[in-house]
Amino acid sequence: DHAYDHDHQTQGVRRFNDHVAQDTRVEK
């Protein structure tokens, strides 16, 4: 939801999801 683009907690969750999605060390 782009309405939450500037919400710090939403940014943190998105950053985490992107980080793990690209992490080849793990299955997820």
PDB file of all heavy atoms in Angstrom:
ATOM      1  N   ASP A   1       0.855  -1.187   0.000  1.00  0.00           N
ATOM      2  CA  ASP A   1       0.000   0.000   0.000  1.00  0.00           C
ATOM      3  C   ASP A   1       0.893   1.240   0.000  1.00  0.00           C
ATOM      4  O   ASP A   1       1.582   1.531   0.975  1.00  0.00           O
ATOM      5  CB  ASP A   1      -0.897  -0.025   1.242  1.00  0.00           C
ATOM      6  CG  ASP A   1      -1.943   1.086   1.235  1.00  0.00           C
ATOM      7  OD1 ASP A   1      -1.768   2.067   0.481  1.00  0.00           O
ATOM      8  OD2 ASP A   1      -2.923   0.979   2.007  1.00  0.00           O
ATOM      9  N   HIS A   2       0.844   1.993  -1.094  1.00  0.00           N
ATOM     10  CA  HIS A   2       1.721   3.167  -1.230  1.00  0.00           C
ATOM     11  C   HIS A   2       1.377   4.286  -0.245  1.00  0.00           C
ATOM     12  O   HIS A   2       2.180   5.206  -0.046  1.00  0.00           O
ATOM     13  CB  HIS A   2       1.680   3.700  -2.661  1.00  0.00           C
ATOM     14  CG  HIS A   2       2.336   2.786  -3.652  1.00  0.00           C
ATOM     15  ND1 HIS A   2       3.671   2.432  -3.561  1.00  0.00           N
ATOM     16  CD2 HIS A   2       1.842   2.122  -4.734  1.00  0.00           C
ATOM     17  CE1 HIS A   2       3.975   1.610  -4.548  1.00  0.00           C
ATOM     18  NE2 HIS A   2       2.882   1.401  -5.275  1.00  0.00           N
ATOM     19  N   ALA A   3       0.213   4.198   0.389  1.00  0.00           N
ATOM     20  CA  ALA A   3      -0.134   5.197   1.399  1.00  0.00           C
ATOM     21  C   ALA A   3       0.804   5.120   2.602  1.00  0.00           C
ATOM     22  O   ALA A   3       0.895   6.075   3.385  1.00  0.00           O
ATOM     23  CB  ALA A   3      -1.582   5.009   1.847  1.00  0.00           C
ATOM     24  N   TYR A   4       1.515   3.992   2.731  1.00  0.00           N
ATOM     25  CA  TYR A   4       2.417   3.795   3.872  1.00  0.00           C
ATOM     26  C   TYR A   4       3.886   3.862   3.461  1.00  0.00           C
ATOM     27  O   TYR A   4       4.761   3.412   4.193  1.00  0.00           O
ATOM     28  CB  TYR A   4       2.119   2.458   4.549  1.00  0.00           C
ATOM     29  CG  TYR A   4       0.768   2.441   5.225  1.00  0.00           C
ATOM     30  CD1 TYR A   4      -0.371   2.087   4.505  1.00  0.00           C
ATOM     31  CD2 TYR A   4       0.633   2.811   6.560  1.00  0.00           C
ATOM     32  CE1 TYR A   4      -1.617   2.092   5.116  1.00  0.00           C
ATOM     33  CE2 TYR A   4      -0.604   2.819   7.176  1.00  0.00           C
ATOM     34  CZ  TYR A   4      -1.725   2.460   6.444  1.00  0.00           C
ATOM     35  OH  TYR A   4      -2.968   2.474   7.042  1.00  0.00           O
ATOM     36  N   ASP A   5       4.156   4.459   2.306  1.00  0.00           N
ATOM     37  CA  ASP A   5       5.532   4.515   1.810  1.00  0.00           C
ATOM     38  C   ASP A   5       6.476   5.258   2.758  1.00  0.00           C
ATOM     39  O   ASP A   5       7.691   5.013   2.740  1.00  0.00           O
ATOM     40  CB  ASP A   5       5.576   5.181   0.429  1.00  0.00           C
ATOM     41  CG  ASP A   5       5.103   4.254  -0.676  1.00  0.00           C
ATOM     42  OD1 ASP A   5       4.871   3.066  -0.386  1.00  0.00           O
ATOM     43  OD2 ASP A   5       4.950   4.723  -1.821  1.00  0.00           O
ATOM     44  N   HIS A   6       5.957   6.166   3.567  1.00  0.00           N
ATOM     45  CA  HIS A   6       6.820   6.962   4.446  1.00  0.00           C
ATOM     46  C   HIS A   6       6.719   6.515   5.909  1.00  0.00           C
ATOM     47  O   HIS A   6       7.279   7.170   6.790  1.00  0.00           O
ATOM     48  CB  HIS A   6       6.473   8.450   4.320  1.00  0.00           C
ATOM     49  CG  HIS A   6       6.639   8.976   2.924  1.00  0.00           C
ATOM     50  ND1 HIS A   6       7.879   9.130   2.331  1.00  0.00           N
ATOM     51  CD2 HIS A   6       5.727   9.352   1.988  1.00  0.00           C
ATOM     52  CE1 HIS A   6       7.728   9.590   1.097  1.00  0.00           C
ATOM     53  NE2 HIS A   6       6.434   9.732   0.860  1.00  0.00           N
ATOM     54  N   ASP A   7       6.036   5.405   6.150  1.00  0.00           N
ATOM     55  CA  ASP A   7       5.929   4.869   7.502  1.00  0.00           C
ATOM     56  C   ASP A   7       7.171   4.037   7.806  1.00  0.00           C
ATOM     57  O   ASP A   7       7.509   3.107   7.066  1.00  0.00           O
ATOM     58  CB  ASP A   7       4.666   4.003   7.620  1.00  0.00           C
ATOM     59  CG  ASP A   7       4.565   3.327   8.969  1.00  0.00           C
ATOM     60  OD1 ASP A   7       4.276   4.027   9.950  1.00  0.00           O
ATOM     61  OD2 ASP A   7       4.778   2.095   9.045  1.00  0.00           O
ATOM     62  N   HIS A   8       7.864   4.344   8.899  1.00  0.00           N
ATOM     63  CA  HIS A   8       9.155   3.718   9.172  1.00  0.00           C
ATOM     64  C   HIS A   8       9.035   2.217   9.430  1.00  0.00           C
ATOM     65  O   HIS A   8       9.908   1.440   9.032  1.00  0.00           O
ATOM     66  CB  HIS A   8       9.836   4.406  10.356  1.00  0.00           C
ATOM     67  CG  HIS A   8      10.243   5.820  10.073  1.00  0.00           C
ATOM     68  ND1 HIS A   8      11.041   6.171   8.998  1.00  0.00           N
ATOM     69  CD2 HIS A   8       9.952   6.985  10.713  1.00  0.00           C
ATOM     70  CE1 HIS A   8      11.239   7.467   8.985  1.00  0.00           C
ATOM     71  NE2 HIS A   8      10.584   7.993  10.021  1.00  0.00           N
ATOM     72  N   GLN A   9       7.974   1.801  10.106  1.00  0.00           N
ATOM     73  CA  GLN A   9       7.823   0.369  10.376  1.00  0.00           C
ATOM     74  C   GLN A   9       7.510  -0.399   9.086  1.00  0.00           C
ATOM     75  O   GLN A   9       8.040  -1.493   8.862  1.00  0.00           O
ATOM     76  CB  GLN A   9       6.748   0.142  11.427  1.00  0.00           C
ATOM     77  CG  GLN A   9       7.122   0.727  12.783  1.00  0.00           C
ATOM     78  CD  GLN A   9       6.281   0.185  13.908  1.00  0.00           C
ATOM     79  OE1 GLN A   9       6.520  -0.899  14.409  1.00  0.00           O
ATOM     80  NE2 GLN A   9       5.278   0.946  14.293  1.00  0.00           N
ATOM     81  N   THR A  10       6.657   0.178   8.258  1.00  0.00           N
ATOM     82  CA  THR A  10       6.376  -0.446   6.964  1.00  0.00           C
ATOM     83  C   THR A  10       7.648  -0.541   6.127  1.00  0.00           C
ATOM     84  O   THR A  10       7.922  -1.572   5.501  1.00  0.00           O
ATOM     85  CB  THR A  10       5.305   0.350   6.195  1.00  0.00           C
ATOM     86  OG1 THR A  10       4.100   0.401   6.983  1.00  0.00           O
ATOM     87  CG2 THR A  10       4.990  -0.303   4.858  1.00  0.00           C
ATOM     88  N   GLN A  11       8.444   0.532   6.132  1.00  0.00           N
ATOM     89  CA  GLN A  11       9.710   0.514   5.406  1.00  0.00           C
ATOM     90  C   GLN A  11      10.617  -0.599   5.924  1.00  0.00           C
ATOM     91  O   GLN A  11      11.294  -1.285   5.144  1.00  0.00           O
ATOM     92  CB  GLN A  11      10.408   1.864   5.545  1.00  0.00           C
ATOM     93  CG  GLN A  11       9.726   3.002   4.800  1.00  0.00           C
ATOM     94  CD  GLN A  11      10.370   4.352   5.092  1.00  0.00           C
ATOM     95  OE1 GLN A  11      11.238   4.471   5.954  1.00  0.00           O
ATOM     96  NE2 GLN A  11       9.927   5.372   4.369  1.00  0.00           N
ATOM     97  N   GLY A  12      10.621  -0.797   7.250  1.00  0.00           N
ATOM     98  CA  GLY A  12      11.460  -1.838   7.834  1.00  0.00           C
ATOM     99  C   GLY A  12      11.031  -3.230   7.421  1.00  0.00           C
ATOM    100  O   GLY A  12      11.875  -4.084   7.116  1.00  0.00           O
ATOM    101  N   VAL A  13       9.725  -3.462   7.384  1.00  0.00           N
ATOM    102  CA  VAL A  13       9.219  -4.773   6.973  1.00  0.00           C
ATOM    103  C   VAL A  13       9.502  -5.009   5.492  1.00  0.00           C
ATOM    104  O   VAL A  13       9.941  -6.103   5.089  1.00  0.00           O
ATOM    105  CB  VAL A  13       7.709  -4.902   7.264  1.00  0.00           C
ATOM    106  CG1 VAL A  13       7.171  -6.221   6.714  1.00  0.00           C
ATOM    107  CG2 VAL A  13       7.444  -4.815   8.761  1.00  0.00           C
ATOM    108  N   ARG A  14       9.287  -4.004   4.662  1.00  0.00           N
ATOM    109  CA  ARG A  14       9.580  -4.146   3.229  1.00  0.00           C
ATOM    110  C   ARG A  14      11.068  -4.427   3.005  1.00  0.00           C
ATOM    111  O   ARG A  14      11.435  -5.281   2.186  1.00  0.00           O
ATOM    112  CB  ARG A  14       9.187  -2.869   2.485  1.00  0.00           C
ATOM    113  CG  ARG A  14       7.687  -2.633   2.336  1.00  0.00           C
ATOM    114  CD  ARG A  14       7.459  -1.282   1.686  1.00  0.00           C
ATOM    115  NE  ARG A  14       6.054  -0.979   1.488  1.00  0.00           N
ATOM    116  CZ  ARG A  14       5.599   0.214   1.109  1.00  0.00           C
ATOM    117  NH1 ARG A  14       6.461   1.202   0.887  1.00  0.00           N
ATOM    118  NH2 ARG A  14       4.307   0.414   0.947  1.00  0.00           N
ATOM    119  N   ARG A  15      11.903  -3.699   3.720  1.00  0.00           N
ATOM    120  CA  ARG A  15      13.352  -3.881   3.575  1.00  0.00           C
ATOM    121  C   ARG A  15      13.745  -5.306   3.964  1.00  0.00           C
ATOM    122  O   ARG A  15      14.554  -5.952   3.290  1.00  0.00           O
ATOM    123  CB  ARG A  15      14.081  -2.856   4.457  1.00  0.00           C
ATOM    124  CG  ARG A  15      15.597  -2.814   4.265  1.00  0.00           C
ATOM    125  CD  ARG A  15      16.174  -1.533   4.872  1.00  0.00           C
ATOM    126  NE  ARG A  15      16.009  -1.477   6.310  1.00  0.00           N
ATOM    127  CZ  ARG A  15      16.941  -1.812   7.200  1.00  0.00           C
ATOM    128  NH1 ARG A  15      18.132  -2.249   6.781  1.00  0.00           N
ATOM    129  NH2 ARG A  15      16.721  -1.710   8.486  1.00  0.00           N
ATOM    130  N   PHE A  16      13.142  -5.802   5.036  1.00  0.00           N
ATOM    131  CA  PHE A  16      13.406  -7.172   5.459  1.00  0.00           C
ATOM    132  C   PHE A  16      12.946  -8.175   4.406  1.00  0.00           C
ATOM    133  O   PHE A  16      13.680  -9.101   4.045  1.00  0.00           O
ATOM    134  CB  PHE A  16      12.715  -7.460   6.795  1.00  0.00           C
ATOM    135  CG  PHE A  16      12.670  -8.921   7.123  1.00  0.00           C
ATOM    136  CD1 PHE A  16      13.793  -9.576   7.608  1.00  0.00           C
ATOM    137  CD2 PHE A  16      11.512  -9.660   6.915  1.00  0.00           C
ATOM    138  CE1 PHE A  16      13.761 -10.937   7.886  1.00  0.00           C
ATOM    139  CE2 PHE A  16      11.468 -11.014   7.188  1.00  0.00           C
ATOM    140  CZ  PHE A  16      12.601 -11.651   7.673  1.00  0.00           C
ATOM    141  N   ASN A  17      11.716  -8.025   3.930  1.00  0.00           N
ATOM    142  CA  ASN A  17      11.184  -8.966   2.942  1.00  0.00           C
ATOM    143  C   ASN A  17      12.047  -9.005   1.686  1.00  0.00           C
ATOM    144  O   ASN A  17      12.328 -10.085   1.140  1.00  0.00           O
ATOM    145  CB  ASN A  17       9.744  -8.598   2.575  1.00  0.00           C
ATOM    146  CG  ASN A  17       8.762  -8.892   3.696  1.00  0.00           C
ATOM    147  OD1 ASN A  17       9.029  -9.704   4.583  1.00  0.00           O
ATOM    148  ND2 ASN A  17       7.614  -8.231   3.651  1.00  0.00           N
ATOM    149  N   ASP A  18      12.486  -7.836   1.223  1.00  0.00           N
ATOM    150  CA  ASP A  18      13.353  -7.780   0.037  1.00  0.00           C
ATOM    151  C   ASP A  18      14.706  -8.439   0.336  1.00  0.00           C
ATOM    152  O   ASP A  18      15.263  -9.156  -0.507  1.00  0.00           O
ATOM    153  CB  ASP A  18      13.564  -6.330  -0.395  1.00  0.00           C
ATOM    154  CG  ASP A  18      12.305  -5.688  -0.962  1.00  0.00           C
ATOM    155  OD1 ASP A  18      11.359  -6.431  -1.310  1.00  0.00           O
ATOM    156  OD2 ASP A  18      12.263  -4.441  -1.033  1.00  0.00           O
ATOM    157  N   HIS A  19      15.219  -8.190   1.525  1.00  0.00           N
ATOM    158  CA  HIS A  19      16.525  -8.734   1.918  1.00  0.00           C
ATOM    159  C   HIS A  19      16.490 -10.259   1.924  1.00  0.00           C
ATOM    160  O   HIS A  19      17.384 -10.917   1.373  1.00  0.00           O
ATOM    161  CB  HIS A  19      16.886  -8.188   3.299  1.00  0.00           C
ATOM    162  CG  HIS A  19      18.212  -8.635   3.822  1.00  0.00           C
ATOM    163  ND1 HIS A  19      19.416  -8.100   3.389  1.00  0.00           N
ATOM    164  CD2 HIS A  19      18.545  -9.577   4.747  1.00  0.00           C
ATOM    165  CE1 HIS A  19      20.418  -8.690   4.023  1.00  0.00           C
ATOM    166  NE2 HIS A  19      19.918  -9.587   4.856  1.00  0.00           N
ATOM    167  N   VAL A  20      15.462 -10.827   2.535  1.00  0.00           N
ATOM    168  CA  VAL A  20      15.369 -12.287   2.642  1.00  0.00           C
ATOM    169  C   VAL A  20      15.065 -12.918   1.283  1.00  0.00           C
ATOM    170  O   VAL A  20      15.591 -13.989   0.953  1.00  0.00           O
ATOM    171  CB  VAL A  20      14.302 -12.684   3.683  1.00  0.00           C
ATOM    172  CG1 VAL A  20      14.087 -14.200   3.687  1.00  0.00           C
ATOM    173  CG2 VAL A  20      14.728 -12.215   5.067  1.00  0.00           C
ATOM    174  N   ALA A  21      14.241 -12.252   0.489  1.00  0.00           N
ATOM    175  CA  ALA A  21      13.909 -12.787  -0.838  1.00  0.00           C
ATOM    176  C   ALA A  21      15.165 -12.970  -1.690  1.00  0.00           C
ATOM    177  O   ALA A  21      15.234 -13.897  -2.508  1.00  0.00           O
ATOM    178  CB  ALA A  21      12.925 -11.863  -1.539  1.00  0.00           C
ATOM    179  N   GLN A  22      16.158 -12.114  -1.480  1.00  0.00           N
ATOM    180  CA  GLN A  22      17.386 -12.168  -2.269  1.00  0.00           C
ATOM    181  C   GLN A  22      18.511 -12.953  -1.586  1.00  0.00           C
ATOM    182  O   GLN A  22      19.600 -13.070  -2.137  1.00  0.00           O
ATOM    183  CB  GLN A  22      17.861 -10.732  -2.537  1.00  0.00           C
ATOM    184  CG  GLN A  22      16.874  -9.913  -3.358  1.00  0.00           C
ATOM    185  CD  GLN A  22      17.190  -8.422  -3.349  1.00  0.00           C
ATOM    186  OE1 GLN A  22      18.265  -8.012  -2.922  1.00  0.00           O
ATOM    187  NE2 GLN A  22      16.236  -7.615  -3.798  1.00  0.00           N
ATOM    188  N   ASP A  23      18.223 -13.501  -0.401  1.00  0.00           N
ATOM    189  CA  ASP A  23      19.248 -14.204   0.373  1.00  0.00           C
ATOM    190  C   ASP A  23      19.353 -15.653  -0.091  1.00  0.00           C
ATOM    191  O   ASP A  23      18.480 -16.478   0.221  1.00  0.00           O
ATOM    192  CB  ASP A  23      18.906 -14.134   1.865  1.00  0.00           C
ATOM    193  CG  ASP A  23      20.052 -14.610   2.748  1.00  0.00           C
ATOM    194  OD1 ASP A  23      21.014 -15.209   2.219  1.00  0.00           O
ATOM    195  OD2 ASP A  23      19.987 -14.387   3.970  1.00  0.00           O
ATOM    196  N   THR A  24      20.415 -15.971  -0.803  1.00  0.00           N
ATOM    197  CA  THR A  24      20.582 -17.320  -1.356  1.00  0.00           C
ATOM    198  C   THR A  24      21.072 -18.335  -0.322  1.00  0.00           C
ATOM    199  O   THR A  24      21.167 -19.522  -0.617  1.00  0.00           O
ATOM    200  CB  THR A  24      21.569 -17.291  -2.536  1.00  0.00           C
ATOM    201  OG1 THR A  24      22.838 -16.773  -2.079  1.00  0.00           O
ATOM    202  CG2 THR A  24      21.040 -16.413  -3.660  1.00  0.00           C
ATOM    203  N   ARG A  25      21.359 -17.871   0.891  1.00  0.00           N
ATOM    204  CA  ARG A  25      21.799 -18.785   1.946  1.00  0.00           C
ATOM    205  C   ARG A  25      20.647 -19.620   2.491  1.00  0.00           C
ATOM    206  O   ARG A  25      20.873 -20.664   3.100  1.00  0.00           O
ATOM    207  CB  ARG A  25      22.435 -18.004   3.102  1.00  0.00           C
ATOM    208  CG  ARG A  25      23.697 -17.238   2.741  1.00  0.00           C
ATOM    209  CD  ARG A  25      24.101 -16.311   3.879  1.00  0.00           C
ATOM    210  NE  ARG A  25      23.110 -15.252   4.100  1.00  0.00           N
ATOM    211  CZ  ARG A  25      23.201 -14.327   5.067  1.00  0.00           C
ATOM    212  NH1 ARG A  25      24.230 -14.349   5.905  1.00  0.00           N
ATOM    213  NH2 ARG A  25      22.269 -13.388   5.192  1.00  0.00           N
ATOM    214  N   VAL A  26      19.420 -19.143   2.282  1.00  0.00           N
ATOM    215  CA  VAL A  26      18.274 -19.754   2.961  1.00  0.00           C
ATOM    216  C   VAL A  26      17.140 -20.071   1.988  1.00  0.00           C
ATOM    217  O   VAL A  26      17.057 -19.522   0.889  1.00  0.00           O
ATOM    218  CB  VAL A  26      17.739 -18.818   4.071  1.00  0.00           C
ATOM    219  CG1 VAL A  26      18.795 -18.575   5.139  1.00  0.00           C
ATOM    220  CG2 VAL A  26      17.249 -17.488   3.495  1.00  0.00           C
ATOM    221  N   GLU A  27      16.250 -20.952   2.447  1.00  0.00           N
ATOM    222  CA  GLU A  27      14.969 -21.209   1.789  1.00  0.00           C
ATOM    223  C   GLU A  27      13.909 -20.434   2.563  1.00  0.00           C
ATOM    224  O   GLU A  27      13.986 -20.331   3.793  1.00  0.00           O
ATOM    225  CB  GLU A  27      14.646 -22.701   1.808  1.00  0.00           C
ATOM    226  CG  GLU A  27      15.721 -23.564   1.166  1.00  0.00           C
ATOM    227  CD  GLU A  27      15.554 -25.036   1.461  1.00  0.00           C
ATOM    228  OE1 GLU A  27      14.921 -25.377   2.490  1.00  0.00           O
ATOM    229  OE2 GLU A  27      16.078 -25.852   0.681  1.00  0.00           O
ATOM    230  N   LYS A  28      12.914 -19.902   1.862  1.00  0.00           N
ATOM    231  CA  LYS A  28      11.948 -19.076   2.558  1.00  0.00           C
ATOM    232  C   LYS A  28      10.568 -19.123   1.903  1.00  0.00           C
ATOM    233  O   LYS A  28      10.446 -19.354   0.696  1.00  0.00           O
ATOM    234  CB  LYS A  28      12.425 -17.632   2.655  1.00  0.00           C
ATOM    235  CG  LYS A  28      12.308 -16.793   1.370  1.00  0.00           C
ATOM    236  CD  LYS A  28      13.309 -17.130   0.287  1.00  0.00           C
ATOM    237  CE  LYS A  28      14.729 -16.765   0.636  1.00  0.00           C
ATOM    238  NZ  LYS A  28      15.667 -16.984  -0.501  1.00  0.00           N
TER     239      LYS A  28
END
